[in-house]
Protein backbone atom coordinates (compact mmCIF):
# COMPACT_ATOMS: atom_id res chain seq x y z
CA UNK A 1 0.06 -0.01 0.04
CA UNK A 2 1.40 3.38 -0.93
CA UNK A 3 0.23 6.84 0.23
CA UNK A 4 0.63 9.19 -2.65
CA UNK A 5 1.23 12.71 -1.35
CA UNK A 6 -0.08 15.78 -3.09
CA UNK A 7 0.21 19.45 -2.54
CA UNK A 8 -2.59 19.53 -0.09
CA UNK A 9 -2.23 16.97 2.73
CA UNK A 10 -5.97 16.85 3.31
CA UNK A 11 -6.48 15.60 -0.30
CA UNK A 12 -3.91 12.74 0.07
CA UNK A 13 -5.32 9.46 -1.26
CA UNK A 14 -4.52 5.95 -0.25
CA UNK A 15 -3.79 3.65 -3.19
CA UNK A 16 -3.26 -0.03 -3.30
CA UNK A 17 -0.64 -1.63 -5.58
CA UNK A 18 -1.22 -5.00 -7.19
CA UNK A 19 1.62 -6.43 -5.16
CA UNK A 20 0.06 -5.33 -1.82
CA UNK A 21 -3.29 -6.77 -2.76
CA UNK A 22 -1.82 -10.09 -3.79
CA UNK A 23 0.22 -10.26 -0.62
CA UNK A 24 -2.81 -9.53 1.55
CA UNK A 25 -4.87 -12.13 -0.19
CA UNK A 26 -2.05 -14.70 0.14
CA UNK A 27 -1.79 -13.96 3.92
CA UNK A 28 -5.64 -14.40 4.36
CA UNK A 29 -5.57 -17.59 2.37
CA UNK A 30 -2.67 -18.94 4.38
CA UNK A 31 -4.40 -18.16 7.70
CA UNK A 32 -7.59 -19.88 6.50
CA UNK A 33 -5.68 -22.87 5.27
CA UNK A 34 -3.74 -23.19 8.52
CA UNK A 35 -6.99 -22.94 10.52
CA UNK A 36 -8.69 -25.64 8.32
CA UNK A 37 -5.64 -27.94 8.66
CA UNK A 38 -5.65 -27.45 12.45
CA UNK A 39 -9.37 -28.20 12.74
CA UNK A 40 -9.12 -31.33 10.56
CA UNK A 41 -6.02 -32.49 12.40
CA UNK A 42 -7.17 -31.96 15.98
CA UNK A 43 -7.21 -35.74 16.74
CA UNK A 44 -3.73 -36.31 15.18
CA UNK A 45 -2.37 -33.30 17.06
CA UNK A 46 -3.94 -34.67 20.28
CA UNK A 47 -2.38 -38.02 19.73
CA UNK A 48 1.04 -36.41 19.21
CA UNK A 49 0.76 -34.22 22.27
CA UNK A 50 -0.22 -37.31 24.40
CA UNK A 51 2.65 -39.35 22.89
CA UNK A 52 5.05 -36.46 23.71
CA UNK A 53 3.78 -36.30 27.30
CA UNK A 54 4.14 -40.12 27.77
CA UNK A 55 7.58 -40.10 26.28
CA UNK A 56 8.69 -37.20 28.52
CA UNK A 57 7.46 -39.16 31.52
CA UNK A 58 9.04 -42.45 30.43
CA UNK A 59 12.42 -41.14 29.35
CA UNK A 60 14.06 -40.80 32.88
CA UNK A 61 12.73 -44.24 33.81
CA UNK A 62 14.17 -45.77 30.60
CA UNK A 63 17.44 -44.03 31.25
CA UNK A 64 17.64 -45.34 34.83
CA UNK A 65 16.96 -48.84 33.79
CA UNK A 66 19.41 -48.60 30.90
CA UNK A 67 22.24 -48.48 33.48
CA UNK A 68 21.52 -52.08 34.37
CA UNK A 69 19.63 -53.48 31.34
CA UNK A 70 19.96 -53.21 27.58
CA UNK A 71 18.12 -50.15 26.34
CA UNK A 72 15.50 -52.13 24.31
CA UNK A 73 14.80 -54.33 27.30
CA UNK A 74 14.50 -51.19 29.45
CA UNK A 75 12.13 -49.61 27.06
CA UNK A 76 10.01 -52.76 26.85
CA UNK A 77 9.98 -52.95 30.64
CA UNK A 78 8.69 -49.35 30.98
CA UNK A 79 6.06 -49.86 28.18
CA UNK A 80 4.74 -53.05 29.68
CA UNK A 81 4.78 -51.73 33.26
CA UNK A 82 3.07 -48.43 32.26
CA UNK A 83 0.45 -50.32 30.34
CA UNK A 84 -0.29 -52.65 33.23
CA UNK A 85 -0.53 -49.67 35.66
CA UNK A 86 -2.87 -47.84 33.35
CA UNK A 87 -5.00 -50.94 32.91
CA UNK A 88 -5.21 -51.56 36.60
CA UNK A 89 -6.28 -48.01 37.26
CA UNK A 90 -8.78 -48.11 34.47
CA UNK A 91 -10.18 -51.46 35.64
CA UNK A 92 -10.57 -50.01 39.19
CA UNK A 93 -12.31 -47.06 37.81
CA UNK A 94 -14.72 -49.14 35.81
CA UNK A 95 -15.56 -51.18 38.95
CA UNK A 96 -16.42 -47.99 40.84
CA UNK A 97 -18.62 -46.84 38.00
CA UNK A 98 -20.44 -50.14 37.92
CA UNK A 99 -20.99 -50.14 41.70
CA UNK A 100 -22.25 -46.52 41.46
CA UNK A 101 -24.68 -47.41 38.60
CA UNK A 102 -25.98 -50.45 40.61
CA UNK A 103 -26.55 -48.18 43.57
CA UNK A 104 -28.24 -45.62 41.39
CA UNK A 105 -30.54 -48.21 39.81
CA UNK A 106 -31.52 -49.26 43.27
CA UNK A 107 -32.34 -45.91 44.84
CA UNK A 108 -33.41 -43.63 41.94
CA UNK A 109 -36.85 -45.14 41.23
CA UNK A 110 -37.72 -45.05 44.84
CA UNK A 111 -36.63 -41.48 45.17
CA UNK A 112 -38.70 -40.58 42.11
CA UNK A 113 -41.71 -42.34 43.63
CA UNK A 114 -41.34 -40.43 46.89
CA UNK A 115 -41.28 -37.21 44.88
CA UNK A 116 -44.50 -38.16 43.06
CA UNK A 117 -46.12 -38.89 46.47
CA UNK A 118 -45.68 -35.25 47.55
CA UNK A 119 -49.05 -33.67 48.27
CA UNK A 120 -48.02 -30.45 46.66
CA UNK A 121 -47.54 -28.83 43.22
CA UNK A 122 -44.10 -30.63 42.99
CA UNK A 123 -45.69 -34.05 43.42
CA UNK A 124 -48.51 -33.20 40.96
CA UNK A 125 -46.00 -32.02 38.39
CA UNK A 126 -43.92 -35.18 38.88
CA UNK A 127 -47.02 -37.40 38.47
CA UNK A 128 -48.09 -35.55 35.39
CA UNK A 129 -44.55 -35.93 33.91
CA UNK A 130 -44.38 -39.61 34.88
CA UNK A 131 -41.09 -39.06 36.69
CA UNK A 132 -40.73 -42.57 38.07
CA UNK A 133 -41.30 -44.13 34.64
CA UNK A 134 -38.96 -41.66 33.00
CA UNK A 135 -36.26 -42.51 35.54
CA UNK A 136 -36.75 -46.21 35.06
CA UNK A 137 -36.37 -45.87 31.33
CA UNK A 138 -33.31 -43.80 31.63
CA UNK A 139 -31.76 -46.40 34.06
CA UNK A 140 -32.68 -49.21 31.60
CA UNK A 141 -30.84 -47.33 28.80
CA UNK A 142 -27.85 -46.34 30.80
CA UNK A 143 -25.62 -49.43 30.22
CA UNK A 144 -25.99 -49.14 26.51
CA UNK A 145 -25.31 -45.44 26.56
CA UNK A 146 -22.19 -45.91 28.52
CA UNK A 147 -20.96 -48.59 26.19
CA UNK A 148 -21.30 -46.24 23.22
CA UNK A 149 -24.92 -46.56 22.15
CA UNK A 150 -25.97 -48.92 19.41
CA UNK A 151 -23.78 -52.06 18.65
CA UNK A 152 -22.32 -50.58 15.46
CA UNK A 153 -21.64 -47.25 17.17
CA UNK A 154 -20.01 -49.04 20.12
CA UNK A 155 -17.79 -51.07 17.78
CA UNK A 156 -16.83 -47.96 15.92
CA UNK A 157 -15.94 -46.19 19.09
CA UNK A 158 -13.83 -49.13 20.39
CA UNK A 159 -12.01 -49.37 17.08
CA UNK A 160 -11.10 -45.77 17.20
CA UNK A 161 -9.92 -45.94 20.74
CA UNK A 162 -7.69 -49.10 19.86
CA UNK A 163 -6.26 -47.13 16.92
CA UNK A 164 -5.50 -44.20 19.13
CA UNK A 165 -3.80 -46.26 21.70
CA UNK A 166 -1.74 -48.01 18.99
CA UNK A 167 -0.72 -44.73 17.41
CA UNK A 168 0.20 -43.13 20.71
CA UNK A 169 2.19 -46.18 21.78
CA UNK A 170 4.29 -46.17 18.59
CA UNK A 171 4.83 -42.41 18.69
CA UNK A 172 5.91 -42.61 22.37
CA UNK A 173 8.40 -45.34 21.70
CA UNK A 174 9.67 -43.27 18.77
CA UNK A 175 10.03 -40.14 20.78
CA UNK A 176 11.69 -42.01 23.70
CA UNK A 177 14.31 -43.35 21.36
CA UNK A 178 14.89 -40.25 19.20
CA UNK A 179 13.50 -37.41 21.24
CA UNK A 180 16.74 -36.37 22.81
CA UNK A 181 18.50 -36.07 19.36
CA UNK A 182 15.48 -34.11 18.09
CA UNK A 183 15.67 -31.65 21.03
CA UNK A 184 19.46 -31.35 20.60
CA UNK A 185 19.01 -30.59 16.88
CA UNK A 186 16.41 -27.98 17.67
CA UNK A 187 18.66 -26.31 20.30
CA UNK A 188 21.53 -26.20 17.73
CA UNK A 189 19.40 -23.89 15.65
CA UNK A 190 20.25 -21.18 18.26
CA UNK A 191 23.47 -19.85 16.85
CA UNK A 192 24.63 -17.85 19.80
CA UNK A 193 26.40 -20.15 22.34
CA UNK A 194 25.51 -18.13 25.36
CA UNK A 195 21.83 -17.87 24.43
CA UNK A 196 21.73 -21.56 23.55
CA UNK A 197 23.09 -22.37 27.00
CA UNK A 198 20.51 -20.15 28.71
CA UNK A 199 17.69 -21.82 26.72
CA UNK A 200 19.06 -25.33 27.43
CA UNK A 201 19.28 -24.67 31.24
CA UNK A 202 15.76 -23.13 31.31
CA UNK A 203 14.22 -25.96 29.30
CA UNK A 204 15.97 -28.65 31.42
CA UNK A 205 14.85 -26.92 34.63
CA UNK A 206 11.28 -26.69 33.42
CA UNK A 207 11.36 -30.38 32.33
CA UNK A 208 12.60 -31.53 35.73
CA UNK A 209 9.98 -29.54 37.71
CA UNK A 210 7.22 -30.56 35.38
CA UNK A 211 8.16 -34.20 35.49
CA UNK A 212 8.21 -34.24 39.26
CA UNK A 213 4.83 -32.55 39.43
CA UNK A 214 3.29 -34.99 36.89
CA UNK A 215 4.72 -38.02 38.73
CA UNK A 216 3.35 -36.83 42.04
CA UNK A 217 -0.01 -36.13 40.46
CA UNK A 218 -0.15 -39.61 38.86
CA UNK A 219 0.89 -41.22 42.13
CA UNK A 220 -1.88 -39.34 44.00
CA UNK A 221 -4.36 -40.48 41.37
CA UNK A 222 -3.32 -44.07 41.62
CA UNK A 223 -3.55 -43.99 45.45
C-alpha cells in the first residue's frame, strides 16, 4: 500500500498496488488454510501431544533402567509396566462406575416415587410428567449409553480407541528413542552459544519440575 502525497495533505489518497493486494490475499488464504488444517488434524495433534507427554514421563525411567539393562529391554519394561498400571487403574475405575450405577438403579426409582407422592404442586407435576417411569427408562438405557450406544456405534468407538492407543504407543516409543536427538538438533538452531546455554538450562529446569509434578499427580491419582 502506498500513500501518494499531493500538494494539499487533506487531499492525500490511499492507493493499493497489485503487489500489496496479492500479498494480503495470500496472507488471508494462508491463515484460513492453517485454521482448516488445524481443525481437521485436531485428533492427530492430540495423539502427538499425548505421545510427547508419555515419552517425557518415560524417558528418565528408561534411562535409569538402561544403566543395568540393555536399552531395548528397558524400554520394553517401561512400556509393559506403564500399560499394566494404566490398565489396573482403568479397571478399578470401571468397577467404581459399575458399583455406582448399581446403587443408582436401586435408589433412583424409589426417590422418584417419593417425589411423586408429595401432596404439593411438586408431586402433581412429577406425576403428570411420569417421573418414576422416565427415571426407570433412563436407567434401563444407561448401560447401552455408557458402552457407546448401538452395537455398530460401540464397535466403531472401540475401534477408534484401539487405533488411538496403538498410534500413541508407537509415537511414544519413537520419541523416547529419538526425542533427545530431536531436541538437541532444535537447540543447535540457536546460533549464539550463550543464548543456547541459557535456553538449554531453562528448558531442562522446566522439564525436571514438570516431570516431578506430573509423577506426584499420577501417584496421587493411583492411590
